[in-house]
PDB file of N, CA and C in Angstrom:
ATOM      1  N   MET A   1      -0.655  39.795 -18.030  1.00  0.00           N
ATOM      2  CA  MET A   1      -0.774  39.598 -19.462  1.00  0.00           C
ATOM      3  C   MET A   1       0.588  39.720 -20.134  1.00  0.00           C
ATOM      4  N   TYR A   2       1.382  40.650 -19.628  1.00  0.00           N
ATOM      5  CA  TYR A   2       2.702  40.852 -20.209  1.00  0.00           C
ATOM      6  C   TYR A   2       3.588  39.622 -20.011  1.00  0.00           C
ATOM      7  N   LYS A   3       3.460  38.973 -18.838  1.00  0.00           N
ATOM      8  CA  LYS A   3       4.263  37.775 -18.569  1.00  0.00           C
ATOM      9  C   LYS A   3       3.906  36.655 -19.535  1.00  0.00           C
ATOM     10  N   LEU A   4       2.628  36.487 -19.812  1.00  0.00           N
ATOM     11  CA  LEU A   4       2.181  35.459 -20.738  1.00  0.00           C
ATOM     12  C   LEU A   4       2.715  35.719 -22.140  1.00  0.00           C
ATOM     13  N   LEU A   5       2.659  36.964 -22.566  1.00  0.00           N
ATOM     14  CA  LEU A   5       3.177  37.332 -23.880  1.00  0.00           C
ATOM     15  C   LEU A   5       4.681  37.109 -23.961  1.00  0.00           C
ATOM     16  N   LEU A   6       5.386  37.458 -22.902  1.00  0.00           N
ATOM     17  CA  LEU A   6       6.835  37.264 -22.868  1.00  0.00           C
ATOM     18  C   LEU A   6       7.193  35.773 -22.912  1.00  0.00           C
ATOM     19  N   CYS A   7       6.465  34.952 -22.149  1.00  0.00           N
ATOM     20  CA  CYS A   7       6.696  33.506 -22.166  1.00  0.00           C
ATOM     21  C   CYS A   7       6.409  32.930 -23.545  1.00  0.00           C
ATOM     22  N   TRP A   8       5.343  33.361 -24.151  1.00  0.00           N
ATOM     23  CA  TRP A   8       4.981  32.866 -25.475  1.00  0.00           C
ATOM     24  C   TRP A   8       6.050  33.206 -26.510  1.00  0.00           C
ATOM     25  N   ARG A   9       6.552  34.425 -26.481  1.00  0.00           N
ATOM     26  CA  ARG A   9       7.597  34.838 -27.424  1.00  0.00           C
ATOM     27  C   ARG A   9       8.883  34.044 -27.201  1.00  0.00           C
ATOM     28  N   TYR A  10       9.206  33.793 -25.945  1.00  0.00           N
ATOM     29  CA  TYR A  10      10.426  33.047 -25.624  1.00  0.00           C
ATOM     30  C   TYR A  10      10.316  31.596 -26.100  1.00  0.00           C
ATOM     31  N   LEU A  11       9.189  30.943 -25.819  1.00  0.00           N
ATOM     32  CA  LEU A  11       9.016  29.539 -26.171  1.00  0.00           C
ATOM     33  C   LEU A  11       8.846  29.331 -27.677  1.00  0.00           C
ATOM     34  N   ARG A  12       8.328  30.336 -28.362  1.00  0.00           N
ATOM     35  CA  ARG A  12       8.132  30.231 -29.804  1.00  0.00           C
ATOM     36  C   ARG A  12       9.467  30.251 -30.550  1.00  0.00           C
ATOM     37  N   THR A  13      10.429  30.960 -30.012  1.00  0.00           N
ATOM     38  CA  THR A  13      11.723  31.053 -30.683  1.00  0.00           C
ATOM     39  C   THR A  13      12.689  29.956 -30.251  1.00  0.00           C
ATOM     40  N   ARG A  14      12.494  29.391 -29.097  1.00  0.00           N
ATOM     41  CA  ARG A  14      13.410  28.364 -28.585  1.00  0.00           C
ATOM     42  C   ARG A  14      12.646  27.053 -28.405  1.00  0.00           C
ATOM     43  N   TYR A  15      12.752  26.213 -29.415  1.00  0.00           N
ATOM     44  CA  TYR A  15      11.991  24.974 -29.416  1.00  0.00           C
ATOM     45  C   TYR A  15      12.512  23.981 -28.381  1.00  0.00           C
ATOM     46  N   ILE A  16      13.785  24.061 -28.047  1.00  0.00           N
ATOM     47  CA  ILE A  16      14.345  23.136 -27.054  1.00  0.00           C
ATOM     48  C   ILE A  16      13.731  23.386 -25.674  1.00  0.00           C
ATOM     49  N   ALA A  17      13.460  24.645 -25.360  1.00  0.00           N
ATOM     50  CA  ALA A  17      12.815  24.965 -24.079  1.00  0.00           C
ATOM     51  C   ALA A  17      11.386  24.446 -24.059  1.00  0.00           C
ATOM     52  N   LEU A  18      10.690  24.587 -25.162  1.00  0.00           N
ATOM     53  CA  LEU A  18       9.323  24.078 -25.254  1.00  0.00           C
ATOM     54  C   LEU A  18       9.308  22.554 -25.150  1.00  0.00           C
ATOM     55  N   ALA A  19      10.265  21.908 -25.820  1.00  0.00           N
ATOM     56  CA  ALA A  19      10.346  20.449 -25.741  1.00  0.00           C
ATOM     57  C   ALA A  19      10.666  20.005 -24.313  1.00  0.00           C
ATOM     58  N   SER A  20      11.508  20.739 -23.616  1.00  0.00           N
ATOM     59  CA  SER A  20      11.843  20.398 -22.229  1.00  0.00           C
ATOM     60  C   SER A  20      10.629  20.523 -21.327  1.00  0.00           C
ATOM     61  N   ILE A  21       9.877  21.572 -21.492  1.00  0.00           N
ATOM     62  CA  ILE A  21       8.678  21.780 -20.674  1.00  0.00           C
ATOM     63  C   ILE A  21       7.658  20.669 -20.934  1.00  0.00           C
ATOM     64  N   ILE A  22       7.477  20.312 -22.207  1.00  0.00           N
ATOM     65  CA  ILE A  22       6.522  19.264 -22.542  1.00  0.00           C
ATOM     66  C   ILE A  22       6.985  17.916 -22.000  1.00  0.00           C
ATOM     67  N   SER A  23       8.283  17.629 -22.081  1.00  0.00           N
ATOM     68  CA  SER A  23       8.772  16.345 -21.577  1.00  0.00           C
ATOM     69  C   SER A  23       8.638  16.253 -20.057  1.00  0.00           C
ATOM     70  N   VAL A  24       8.880  17.332 -19.339  1.00  0.00           N
ATOM     71  CA  VAL A  24       8.688  17.323 -17.888  1.00  0.00           C
ATOM     72  C   VAL A  24       7.214  17.136 -17.556  1.00  0.00           C
ATOM     73  N   MET A  25       6.349  17.798 -18.323  1.00  0.00           N
ATOM     74  CA  MET A  25       4.909  17.668 -18.102  1.00  0.00           C
ATOM     75  C   MET A  25       4.457  16.219 -18.324  1.00  0.00           C
ATOM     76  N   LEU A  26       4.943  15.587 -19.382  1.00  0.00           N
ATOM     77  CA  LEU A  26       4.585  14.191 -19.644  1.00  0.00           C
ATOM     78  C   LEU A  26       5.158  13.253 -18.589  1.00  0.00           C
ATOM     79  N   GLY A  27       6.357  13.541 -18.113  1.00  0.00           N
ATOM     80  CA  GLY A  27       6.950  12.716 -17.054  1.00  0.00           C
ATOM     81  C   GLY A  27       6.147  12.772 -15.765  1.00  0.00           C
ATOM     82  N   VAL A  28       5.721  13.965 -15.392  1.00  0.00           N
ATOM     83  CA  VAL A  28       4.919  14.122 -14.172  1.00  0.00           C
ATOM     84  C   VAL A  28       3.555  13.445 -14.340  1.00  0.00           C
ATOM     85  N   ALA A  29       2.957  13.598 -15.511  1.00  0.00           N
ATOM     86  CA  ALA A  29       1.665  12.947 -15.754  1.00  0.00           C
ATOM     87  C   ALA A  29       1.800  11.431 -15.687  1.00  0.00           C
ATOM     88  N   THR A  30       2.893  10.904 -16.223  1.00  0.00           N
ATOM     89  CA  THR A  30       3.128   9.463 -16.168  1.00  0.00           C
ATOM     90  C   THR A  30       3.289   8.986 -14.728  1.00  0.00           C
ATOM     91  N   MET A  31       4.024   9.746 -13.934  1.00  0.00           N
ATOM     92  CA  MET A  31       4.191   9.362 -12.530  1.00  0.00           C
ATOM     93  C   MET A  31       2.874   9.398 -11.777  1.00  0.00           C
ATOM     94  N   ILE A  32       2.019  10.359 -12.065  1.00  0.00           N
ATOM     95  CA  ILE A  32       0.711  10.430 -11.411  1.00  0.00           C
ATOM     96  C   ILE A  32      -0.127   9.206 -11.771  1.00  0.00           C
ATOM     97  N   VAL A  33      -0.116   8.830 -13.044  1.00  0.00           N
ATOM     98  CA  VAL A  33      -0.891   7.662 -13.483  1.00  0.00           C
ATOM     99  C   VAL A  33      -0.338   6.382 -12.850  1.00  0.00           C
ATOM    100  N   VAL A  34       0.983   6.238 -12.815  1.00  0.00           N
ATOM    101  CA  VAL A  34       1.584   5.037 -12.222  1.00  0.00           C
ATOM    102  C   VAL A  34       1.259   4.951 -10.736  1.00  0.00           C
ATOM    103  N   ASN A  35       1.326   6.066 -10.031  1.00  0.00           N
ATOM    104  CA  ASN A  35       0.976   6.056  -8.603  1.00  0.00           C
ATOM    105  C   ASN A  35      -0.482   5.674  -8.386  1.00  0.00           C
ATOM    106  N   ALA A  36      -1.365   6.157  -9.226  1.00  0.00           N
ATOM    107  CA  ALA A  36      -2.779   5.804  -9.089  1.00  0.00           C
ATOM    108  C   ALA A  36      -3.003   4.316  -9.344  1.00  0.00           C
ATOM    109  N   VAL A  37      -2.342   3.772 -10.354  1.00  0.00           N
ATOM    110  CA  VAL A  37      -2.482   2.346 -10.656  1.00  0.00           C
ATOM    111  C   VAL A  37      -1.914   1.499  -9.518  1.00  0.00           C
ATOM    112  N   MET A  38      -0.767   1.887  -9.009  1.00  0.00           N
ATOM    113  CA  MET A  38      -0.165   1.117  -7.914  1.00  0.00           C
ATOM    114  C   MET A  38      -1.016   1.195  -6.647  1.00  0.00           C
ATOM    115  N   GLU A  39      -1.646   2.319  -6.393  1.00  0.00           N
ATOM    116  CA  GLU A  39      -2.528   2.430  -5.228  1.00  0.00           C
ATOM    117  C   GLU A  39      -3.716   1.492  -5.374  1.00  0.00           C
ATOM    118  N   GLY A  40      -4.277   1.418  -6.568  1.00  0.00           N
ATOM    119  CA  GLY A  40      -5.375   0.479  -6.813  1.00  0.00           C
ATOM    120  C   GLY A  40      -4.926  -0.961  -6.667  1.00  0.00           C
ATOM    121  N   PHE A  41      -3.721  -1.269  -7.155  1.00  0.00           N
ATOM    122  CA  PHE A  41      -3.181  -2.612  -7.028  1.00  0.00           C
ATOM    123  C   PHE A  41      -2.959  -2.971  -5.563  1.00  0.00           C
ATOM    124  N   THR A  42      -2.420  -2.035  -4.788  1.00  0.00           N
ATOM    125  CA  THR A  42      -2.195  -2.264  -3.365  1.00  0.00           C
ATOM    126  C   THR A  42      -3.513  -2.517  -2.638  1.00  0.00           C
ATOM    127  N   HIS A  43      -4.522  -1.721  -2.956  1.00  0.00           N
ATOM    128  CA  HIS A  43      -5.828  -1.892  -2.317  1.00  0.00           C
ATOM    129  C   HIS A  43      -6.415  -3.266  -2.661  1.00  0.00           C
ATOM    130  N   GLU A  44      -6.306  -3.659  -3.919  1.00  0.00           N
ATOM    131  CA  GLU A  44      -6.842  -4.962  -4.341  1.00  0.00           C
ATOM    132  C   GLU A  44      -6.104  -6.106  -3.652  1.00  0.00           C
ATOM    133  N   MET A  45      -4.793  -6.006  -3.544  1.00  0.00           N
ATOM    134  CA  MET A  45      -4.025  -7.057  -2.877  1.00  0.00           C
ATOM    135  C   MET A  45      -4.377  -7.136  -1.396  1.00  0.00           C
ATOM    136  N   GLN A  46      -4.560  -6.001  -0.746  1.00  0.00           N
ATOM    137  CA  GLN A  46      -4.937  -6.015   0.662  1.00  0.00           C
ATOM    138  C   GLN A  46      -6.301  -6.647   0.861  1.00  0.00           C
ATOM    139  N   GLU A  47      -7.231  -6.395  -0.044  1.00  0.00           N
ATOM    140  CA  GLU A  47      -8.558  -7.012   0.052  1.00  0.00           C
ATOM    141  C   GLU A  47      -8.464  -8.525  -0.125  1.00  0.00           C
ATOM    142  N   ARG A  48      -7.648  -8.980  -1.052  1.00  0.00           N
ATOM    143  CA  ARG A  48      -7.507 -10.425  -1.263  1.00  0.00           C
ATOM    144  C   ARG A  48      -6.804 -11.094  -0.093  1.00  0.00           C
ATOM    145  N   ILE A  49      -5.792 -10.443   0.436  1.00  0.00           N
ATOM    146  CA  ILE A  49      -5.083 -11.012   1.588  1.00  0.00           C
ATOM    147  C   ILE A  49      -5.995 -11.047   2.804  1.00  0.00           C
ATOM    148  N   HIS A  50      -6.845 -10.038   2.954  1.00  0.00           N
ATOM    149  CA  HIS A  50      -7.785 -10.028   4.080  1.00  0.00           C
ATOM    150  C   HIS A  50      -8.729 -11.219   4.010  1.00  0.00           C
ATOM    151  N   GLY A  51      -9.073 -11.660   2.815  1.00  0.00           N
ATOM    152  CA  GLY A  51      -9.926 -12.837   2.667  1.00  0.00           C
ATOM    153  C   GLY A  51      -9.229 -14.110   3.097  1.00  0.00           C
ATOM    154  N   ILE A  52      -7.906 -14.123   3.025  1.00  0.00           N
ATOM    155  CA  ILE A  52      -7.144 -15.308   3.403  1.00  0.00           C
ATOM    156  C   ILE A  52      -6.809 -15.298   4.888  1.00  0.00           C
ATOM    157  N   LEU A  53      -6.394 -14.145   5.385  1.00  0.00           N
ATOM    158  CA  LEU A  53      -5.948 -14.054   6.770  1.00  0.00           C
ATOM    159  C   LEU A  53      -7.112 -13.873   7.722  1.00  0.00           C
ATOM    160  N   SER A  54      -6.809 -13.953   8.986  1.00  0.00           N
ATOM    161  CA  SER A  54      -7.860 -13.888  10.004  1.00  0.00           C
ATOM    162  C   SER A  54      -8.253 -12.446  10.303  1.00  0.00           C
ATOM    163  N   ASP A  55      -9.369 -12.318  10.978  1.00  0.00           N
ATOM    164  CA  ASP A  55      -9.832 -11.000  11.403  1.00  0.00           C
ATOM    165  C   ASP A  55      -9.270 -10.620  12.764  1.00  0.00           C
ATOM    166  N   VAL A  56      -8.916 -11.599  13.564  1.00  0.00           N
ATOM    167  CA  VAL A  56      -8.360 -11.359  14.893  1.00  0.00           C
ATOM    168  C   VAL A  56      -6.945 -11.904  14.915  1.00  0.00           C
ATOM    169  N   VAL A  57      -6.025 -11.091  15.394  1.00  0.00           N
ATOM    170  CA  VAL A  57      -4.623 -11.498  15.458  1.00  0.00           C
ATOM    171  C   VAL A  57      -4.190 -11.490  16.911  1.00  0.00           C
ATOM    172  N   PHE A  58      -3.664 -12.604  17.361  1.00  0.00           N
ATOM    173  CA  PHE A  58      -3.140 -12.736  18.719  1.00  0.00           C
ATOM    174  C   PHE A  58      -1.632 -12.823  18.574  1.00  0.00           C
ATOM    175  N   GLU A  59      -0.932 -11.793  19.010  1.00  0.00           N
ATOM    176  CA  GLU A  59       0.499 -11.738  18.731  1.00  0.00           C
ATOM    177  C   GLU A  59       1.328 -11.525  19.986  1.00  0.00           C
ATOM    178  N   SER A  60       2.580 -11.859  19.853  1.00  0.00           N
ATOM    179  CA  SER A  60       3.532 -11.739  20.945  1.00  0.00           C
ATOM    180  C   SER A  60       4.680 -10.846  20.492  1.00  0.00           C
ATOM    181  N   ARG A  61       5.245 -10.106  21.402  1.00  0.00           N
ATOM    182  CA  ARG A  61       6.386  -9.252  21.083  1.00  0.00           C
ATOM    183  C   ARG A  61       7.714  -9.996  21.246  1.00  0.00           C
ATOM    184  N   SER A  62       7.648 -11.215  21.708  1.00  0.00           N
ATOM    185  CA  SER A  62       8.845 -12.019  21.928  1.00  0.00           C
ATOM    186  C   SER A  62       9.333 -12.612  20.610  1.00  0.00           C
ATOM    187  N   LEU A  63      10.629 -12.794  20.481  1.00  0.00           N
ATOM    188  CA  LEU A  63      11.181 -13.431  19.293  1.00  0.00           C
ATOM    189  C   LEU A  63      10.967 -14.940  19.302  1.00  0.00           C
ATOM    190  N   ASP A  64      10.611 -15.490  20.457  1.00  0.00           N
ATOM    191  CA  ASP A  64      10.364 -16.923  20.581  1.00  0.00           C
ATOM    192  C   ASP A  64       8.924 -17.292  20.266  1.00  0.00           C
ATOM    193  N   GLY A  65       8.089 -16.325  19.997  1.00  0.00           N
ATOM    194  CA  GLY A  65       6.681 -16.594  19.734  1.00  0.00           C
ATOM    195  C   GLY A  65       5.890 -16.633  21.030  1.00  0.00           C
ATOM    196  N   ILE A  66       4.704 -17.207  20.953  1.00  0.00           N
ATOM    197  CA  ILE A  66       3.836 -17.299  22.121  1.00  0.00           C
ATOM    198  C   ILE A  66       4.129 -18.612  22.832  1.00  0.00           C
ATOM    199  N   PRO A  67       4.552 -18.547  24.089  1.00  0.00           N
ATOM    200  CA  PRO A  67       4.775 -19.798  24.812  1.00  0.00           C
ATOM    201  C   PRO A  67       3.429 -20.474  25.108  1.00  0.00           C
ATOM    202  N   ASP A  68       3.380 -21.771  24.875  1.00  0.00           N
ATOM    203  CA  ASP A  68       2.180 -22.578  25.099  1.00  0.00           C
ATOM    204  C   ASP A  68       0.978 -22.013  24.335  1.00  0.00           C
ATOM    205  N   ALA A  69       1.111 -21.963  23.040  1.00  0.00           N
ATOM    206  CA  ALA A  69       0.069 -21.389  22.195  1.00  0.00           C
ATOM    207  C   ALA A  69      -1.232 -22.186  22.264  1.00  0.00           C
ATOM    208  N   GLN A  70      -1.146 -23.499  22.429  1.00  0.00           N
ATOM    209  CA  GLN A  70      -2.356 -24.325  22.503  1.00  0.00           C
ATOM    210  C   GLN A  70      -3.216 -23.950  23.709  1.00  0.00           C
ATOM    211  N   ARG A  71      -2.567 -23.636  24.833  1.00  0.00           N
ATOM    212  CA  ARG A  71      -3.324 -23.225  26.023  1.00  0.00           C
ATOM    213  C   ARG A  71      -4.040 -21.902  25.766  1.00  0.00           C
ATOM    214  N   HIS A  72      -3.363 -20.972  25.105  1.00  0.00           N
ATOM    215  CA  HIS A  72      -3.998 -19.687  24.781  1.00  0.00           C
ATOM    216  C   HIS A  72      -5.177 -19.886  23.823  1.00  0.00           C
ATOM    217  N   MET A  73      -5.012 -20.780  22.873  1.00  0.00           N
ATOM    218  CA  MET A  73      -6.098 -21.044  21.934  1.00  0.00           C
ATOM    219  C   MET A  73      -7.304 -21.647  22.645  1.00  0.00           C
ATOM    220  N   LYS A  74      -7.074 -22.510  23.620  1.00  0.00           N
ATOM    221  CA  LYS A  74      -8.176 -23.081  24.391  1.00  0.00           C
ATOM    222  C   LYS A  74      -8.887 -22.017  25.217  1.00  0.00           C
ATOM    223  N   GLU A  75      -8.132 -21.096  25.806  1.00  0.00           N
ATOM    224  CA  GLU A  75      -8.732 -20.012  26.596  1.00  0.00           C
ATOM    225  C   GLU A  75      -9.586 -19.105  25.709  1.00  0.00           C
ATOM    226  N   ILE A  76      -9.078 -18.785  24.539  1.00  0.00           N
ATOM    227  CA  ILE A  76      -9.850 -17.950  23.611  1.00  0.00           C
ATOM    228  C   ILE A  76     -11.096 -18.702  23.159  1.00  0.00           C
ATOM    229  N   ASP A  77     -10.976 -19.992  22.940  1.00  0.00           N
ATOM    230  CA  ASP A  77     -12.107 -20.802  22.511  1.00  0.00           C
ATOM    231  C   ASP A  77     -13.186 -20.855  23.584  1.00  0.00           C
ATOM    232  N   LYS A  78     -12.794 -20.834  24.865  1.00  0.00           N
ATOM    233  CA  LYS A  78     -13.784 -20.811  25.954  1.00  0.00           C
ATOM    234  C   LYS A  78     -14.604 -19.529  25.921  1.00  0.00           C
ATOM    235  N   VAL A  79     -13.944 -18.425  25.644  1.00  0.00           N
ATOM    236  CA  VAL A  79     -14.618 -17.126  25.687  1.00  0.00           C
ATOM    237  C   VAL A  79     -15.447 -16.875  24.428  1.00  0.00           C
ATOM    238  N   ALA A  80     -14.858 -17.126  23.267  1.00  0.00           N
ATOM    239  CA  ALA A  80     -15.525 -16.749  22.019  1.00  0.00           C
ATOM    240  C   ALA A  80     -15.657 -17.929  21.067  1.00  0.00           C
ATOM    241  N   GLY A  81     -15.842 -19.109  21.589  1.00  0.00           N
ATOM    242  CA  GLY A  81     -15.881 -20.314  20.769  1.00  0.00           C
ATOM    243  C   GLY A  81     -16.972 -20.328  19.719  1.00  0.00           C
ATOM    244  N   GLN A  82     -18.160 -19.805  20.052  1.00  0.00           N
ATOM    245  CA  GLN A  82     -19.260 -19.862  19.090  1.00  0.00           C
ATOM    246  C   GLN A  82     -19.064 -18.896  17.923  1.00  0.00           C
ATOM    247  N   TYR A  83     -18.186 -17.907  18.092  1.00  0.00           N
ATOM    248  CA  TYR A  83     -17.948 -16.933  17.030  1.00  0.00           C
ATOM    249  C   TYR A  83     -16.765 -17.308  16.140  1.00  0.00           C
ATOM    250  N   ILE A  84     -16.020 -18.323  16.506  1.00  0.00           N
ATOM    251  CA  ILE A  84     -14.820 -18.707  15.769  1.00  0.00           C
ATOM    252  C   ILE A  84     -15.165 -19.845  14.822  1.00  0.00           C
ATOM    253  N   ALA A  85     -14.940 -19.604  13.536  1.00  0.00           N
ATOM    254  CA  ALA A  85     -15.221 -20.633  12.540  1.00  0.00           C
ATOM    255  C   ALA A  85     -14.040 -21.585  12.383  1.00  0.00           C
ATOM    256  N   ALA A  86     -12.831 -21.048  12.433  1.00  0.00           N
ATOM    257  CA  ALA A  86     -11.646 -21.890  12.251  1.00  0.00           C
ATOM    258  C   ALA A  86     -10.427 -21.191  12.825  1.00  0.00           C
ATOM    259  N   TRP A  87      -9.415 -21.989  13.157  1.00  0.00           N
ATOM    260  CA  TRP A  87      -8.144 -21.478  13.657  1.00  0.00           C
ATOM    261  C   TRP A  87      -7.085 -21.664  12.584  1.00  0.00           C
ATOM    262  N   SER A  88      -6.183 -20.732  12.510  1.00  0.00           N
ATOM    263  CA  SER A  88      -5.042 -20.904  11.611  1.00  0.00           C
ATOM    264  C   SER A  88      -3.834 -20.200  12.227  1.00  0.00           C
ATOM    265  N   PRO A  89      -3.090 -20.897  13.076  1.00  0.00           N
ATOM    266  CA  PRO A  89      -1.907 -20.262  13.657  1.00  0.00           C
ATOM    267  C   PRO A  89      -0.835 -20.069  12.583  1.00  0.00           C
ATOM    268  N   THR A  90      -0.314 -18.873  12.505  1.00  0.00           N
ATOM    269  CA  THR A  90       0.710 -18.546  11.515  1.00  0.00           C
ATOM    270  C   THR A  90       1.848 -17.780  12.184  1.00  0.00           C
ATOM    271  N   VAL A  91       2.937 -17.713  11.476  1.00  0.00           N
ATOM    272  CA  VAL A  91       4.095 -16.942  11.923  1.00  0.00           C
ATOM    273  C   VAL A  91       4.302 -15.818  10.918  1.00  0.00           C
ATOM    274  N   HIS A  92       4.344 -14.606  11.414  1.00  0.00           N
ATOM    275  CA  HIS A  92       4.563 -13.447  10.564  1.00  0.00           C
ATOM    276  C   HIS A  92       5.890 -12.821  10.944  1.00  0.00           C
ATOM    277  N   VAL A  93       6.787 -12.718   9.996  1.00  0.00           N
ATOM    278  CA  VAL A  93       8.084 -12.095  10.232  1.00  0.00           C
ATOM    279  C   VAL A  93       8.075 -10.745   9.543  1.00  0.00           C
ATOM    280  N   PRO A  94       8.100  -9.654  10.318  1.00  0.00           N
ATOM    281  CA  PRO A  94       8.070  -8.329   9.693  1.00  0.00           C
ATOM    282  C   PRO A  94       9.381  -8.054   8.949  1.00  0.00           C
ATOM    283  N   PRO A  95       9.295  -7.264   7.885  1.00  0.00           N
ATOM    284  CA  PRO A  95      10.521  -6.935   7.131  1.00  0.00           C
ATOM    285  C   PRO A  95      11.458  -6.070   7.971  1.00  0.00           C
ATOM    286  N   CYS A  96      12.732  -6.214   7.736  1.00  0.00           N
ATOM    287  CA  CYS A  96      13.732  -5.455   8.484  1.00  0.00           C
ATOM    288  C   CYS A  96      13.757  -4.014   8.081  1.00  0.00           C
TER     289      CYS A  96
END
């Protein structure tokens, strides 16, 4: 209780300290709100991109891509042809 009373007396006489505390509080609250909005935006973008991109990704670790990709696509089509609605071969370059 004594600490609260001491803090109150200090902040009541020094308005600059009170203004500093309030500005830091508002800054932190703003950052929390911005992070929440950006997280929602990221989730929404991932959902939209998932609608565009495929559910199965066949990838290669080589910088040259997959050698003879058409042959691989035919092999996959033999195994799971009835479950595949469409093919869309793409190139994805990860950020550095």
